[in-house]
């Protein structure tokens, strides 16, 4: 290959069919109602199996719901209305987990 030849670079945003129409959905929504995946949130659930106050990182769903993982490893899916933002996602990992207290 000649080093003076220009190099052709093709960036594919999504796959297309033979007519040029996209075959897939648009890219994933990054923000929903002010929340982003990775934000530290405080969720207050007043009734039900998961009642209580939960503080952890949130995973945002496209339809406006947030997923929170409990210390026991269970996933709680709740509406964004029950959540309050504590800290925006900044790329750093900060975990809050309950540890057994020494008596």
C-alpha atoms as a PDB file:
ATOM      1  CA  UNK A   1       0.000   0.000   0.000  1.00  0.00           C
ATOM      2  CA  UNK A   2       1.283   3.420  -0.934  1.00  0.00           C
ATOM      3  CA  UNK A   3       1.809   5.596   2.218  1.00  0.00           C
ATOM      4  CA  UNK A   4       0.737   8.705   0.291  1.00  0.00           C
ATOM      5  CA  UNK A   5      -2.695   7.269  -0.534  1.00  0.00           C
ATOM      6  CA  UNK A   6      -5.578   8.693   1.517  1.00  0.00           C
ATOM      7  CA  UNK A   7      -7.212   6.269   3.914  1.00  0.00           C
ATOM      8  CA  UNK A   8     -10.977   5.930   3.714  1.00  0.00           C
ATOM      9  CA  UNK A   9     -12.630   5.669   7.131  1.00  0.00           C
ATOM     10  CA  UNK A  10     -16.283   4.691   7.344  1.00  0.00           C
ATOM     11  CA  UNK A  11     -18.271   5.252  10.524  1.00  0.00           C
ATOM     12  CA  UNK A  12     -21.394   3.123  10.843  1.00  0.00           C
ATOM     13  CA  UNK A  13     -24.084   4.658  13.063  1.00  0.00           C
ATOM     14  CA  UNK A  14     -26.554   1.806  12.611  1.00  0.00           C
ATOM     15  CA  UNK A  15     -27.177  -0.962  10.134  1.00  0.00           C
ATOM     16  CA  UNK A  16     -29.444  -0.227   7.169  1.00  0.00           C
ATOM     17  CA  UNK A  17     -31.490  -2.389   4.830  1.00  0.00           C
ATOM     18  CA  UNK A  18     -31.072  -2.541   1.048  1.00  0.00           C
ATOM     19  CA  UNK A  19     -33.176   0.627   0.605  1.00  0.00           C
ATOM     20  CA  UNK A  20     -31.128   2.680   3.081  1.00  0.00           C
ATOM     21  CA  UNK A  21     -33.632   2.672   5.955  1.00  0.00           C
ATOM     22  CA  UNK A  22     -32.371   1.897   9.475  1.00  0.00           C
ATOM     23  CA  UNK A  23     -32.918  -1.683  10.699  1.00  0.00           C
ATOM     24  CA  UNK A  24     -32.586  -0.909  14.391  1.00  0.00           C
ATOM     25  CA  UNK A  25     -33.959   1.501  16.971  1.00  0.00           C
ATOM     26  CA  UNK A  26     -32.312   4.832  17.728  1.00  0.00           C
ATOM     27  CA  UNK A  27     -29.599   4.879  20.346  1.00  0.00           C
ATOM     28  CA  UNK A  28     -30.510   4.460  24.014  1.00  0.00           C
ATOM     29  CA  UNK A  29     -31.901   7.442  25.908  1.00  0.00           C
ATOM     30  CA  UNK A  30     -29.310   8.709  28.380  1.00  0.00           C
ATOM     31  CA  UNK A  31     -31.493  10.929  30.599  1.00  0.00           C
ATOM     32  CA  UNK A  32     -35.014  10.374  31.845  1.00  0.00           C
ATOM     33  CA  UNK A  33     -36.791  13.055  33.908  1.00  0.00           C
ATOM     34  CA  UNK A  34     -33.448  14.495  35.034  1.00  0.00           C
ATOM     35  CA  UNK A  35     -31.953  11.151  36.122  1.00  0.00           C
ATOM     36  CA  UNK A  36     -29.048   9.352  34.460  1.00  0.00           C
ATOM     37  CA  UNK A  37     -27.673   5.860  34.942  1.00  0.00           C
ATOM     38  CA  UNK A  38     -25.079   5.990  37.706  1.00  0.00           C
ATOM     39  CA  UNK A  39     -26.638   8.853  39.673  1.00  0.00           C
ATOM     40  CA  UNK A  40     -26.723   8.462  43.451  1.00  0.00           C
ATOM     41  CA  UNK A  41     -30.379   8.597  44.488  1.00  0.00           C
ATOM     42  CA  UNK A  42     -32.445   8.316  47.643  1.00  0.00           C
ATOM     43  CA  UNK A  43     -35.673   6.351  47.198  1.00  0.00           C
ATOM     44  CA  UNK A  44     -38.458   6.457  49.792  1.00  0.00           C
ATOM     45  CA  UNK A  45     -40.941   3.588  49.489  1.00  0.00           C
ATOM     46  CA  UNK A  46     -43.833   3.855  51.932  1.00  0.00           C
ATOM     47  CA  UNK A  47     -45.743   0.620  51.284  1.00  0.00           C
ATOM     48  CA  UNK A  48     -45.090  -2.873  50.077  1.00  0.00           C
ATOM     49  CA  UNK A  49     -42.386  -5.483  50.189  1.00  0.00           C
ATOM     50  CA  UNK A  50     -39.488  -3.046  49.745  1.00  0.00           C
ATOM     51  CA  UNK A  51     -40.705  -0.258  52.056  1.00  0.00           C
ATOM     52  CA  UNK A  52     -38.062   1.936  53.571  1.00  0.00           C
ATOM     53  CA  UNK A  53     -35.364   4.351  52.474  1.00  0.00           C
ATOM     54  CA  UNK A  54     -32.820   3.113  49.956  1.00  0.00           C
ATOM     55  CA  UNK A  55     -29.670   5.035  48.944  1.00  0.00           C
ATOM     56  CA  UNK A  56     -27.671   3.684  46.022  1.00  0.00           C
ATOM     57  CA  UNK A  57     -26.753   4.126  42.380  1.00  0.00           C
ATOM     58  CA  UNK A  58     -29.647   4.077  39.947  1.00  0.00           C
ATOM     59  CA  UNK A  59     -30.096   2.451  36.568  1.00  0.00           C
ATOM     60  CA  UNK A  60     -32.465   4.428  34.358  1.00  0.00           C
ATOM     61  CA  UNK A  61     -35.062   2.693  32.208  1.00  0.00           C
ATOM     62  CA  UNK A  62     -36.477   4.229  29.048  1.00  0.00           C
ATOM     63  CA  UNK A  63     -40.042   4.462  30.376  1.00  0.00           C
ATOM     64  CA  UNK A  64     -39.120   6.571  33.397  1.00  0.00           C
ATOM     65  CA  UNK A  65     -38.391   3.912  36.003  1.00  0.00           C
ATOM     66  CA  UNK A  66     -35.272   3.513  38.109  1.00  0.00           C
ATOM     67  CA  UNK A  67     -33.666   0.266  39.254  1.00  0.00           C
ATOM     68  CA  UNK A  68     -31.949   0.172  42.642  1.00  0.00           C
ATOM     69  CA  UNK A  69     -30.003  -2.842  43.954  1.00  0.00           C
ATOM     70  CA  UNK A  70     -30.518  -3.590  47.658  1.00  0.00           C
ATOM     71  CA  UNK A  71     -27.665  -4.813  49.892  1.00  0.00           C
ATOM     72  CA  UNK A  72     -29.268  -8.265  49.709  1.00  0.00           C
ATOM     73  CA  UNK A  73     -28.874  -8.200  45.932  1.00  0.00           C
ATOM     74  CA  UNK A  74     -32.547  -7.711  45.051  1.00  0.00           C
ATOM     75  CA  UNK A  75     -33.453  -5.271  42.288  1.00  0.00           C
ATOM     76  CA  UNK A  76     -36.112  -2.681  43.129  1.00  0.00           C
ATOM     77  CA  UNK A  77     -37.841  -1.028  40.177  1.00  0.00           C
ATOM     78  CA  UNK A  78     -39.570   2.200  41.188  1.00  0.00           C
ATOM     79  CA  UNK A  79     -40.903   5.361  39.617  1.00  0.00           C
ATOM     80  CA  UNK A  80     -38.711   8.430  39.348  1.00  0.00           C
ATOM     81  CA  UNK A  81     -41.318  10.336  41.418  1.00  0.00           C
ATOM     82  CA  UNK A  82     -40.219   8.549  44.610  1.00  0.00           C
ATOM     83  CA  UNK A  83     -36.558   9.399  44.038  1.00  0.00           C
ATOM     84  CA  UNK A  84     -34.479  12.392  44.960  1.00  0.00           C
ATOM     85  CA  UNK A  85     -31.092  13.080  43.426  1.00  0.00           C
ATOM     86  CA  UNK A  86     -28.162  13.090  45.852  1.00  0.00           C
ATOM     87  CA  UNK A  87     -25.251  13.249  43.408  1.00  0.00           C
ATOM     88  CA  UNK A  88     -24.934  13.224  39.647  1.00  0.00           C
ATOM     89  CA  UNK A  89     -22.893  10.529  37.935  1.00  0.00           C
ATOM     90  CA  UNK A  90     -19.359  11.876  37.536  1.00  0.00           C
ATOM     91  CA  UNK A  91     -17.477   8.769  36.428  1.00  0.00           C
ATOM     92  CA  UNK A  92     -16.110   7.884  39.867  1.00  0.00           C
ATOM     93  CA  UNK A  93     -17.290   4.841  41.788  1.00  0.00           C
ATOM     94  CA  UNK A  94     -18.752   5.495  45.221  1.00  0.00           C
ATOM     95  CA  UNK A  95     -20.566   2.639  46.895  1.00  0.00           C
ATOM     96  CA  UNK A  96     -22.619   2.669  50.033  1.00  0.00           C
ATOM     97  CA  UNK A  97     -23.310  -0.751  51.454  1.00  0.00           C
ATOM     98  CA  UNK A  98     -24.565  -1.824  54.831  1.00  0.00           C
ATOM     99  CA  UNK A  99     -22.037  -3.783  56.776  1.00  0.00           C
ATOM    100  CA  UNK A 100     -22.745  -5.817  59.885  1.00  0.00           C
ATOM    101  CA  UNK A 101     -21.986  -3.676  62.904  1.00  0.00           C
ATOM    102  CA  UNK A 102     -19.650  -5.081  65.492  1.00  0.00           C
ATOM    103  CA  UNK A 103     -21.376  -5.404  68.859  1.00  0.00           C
END
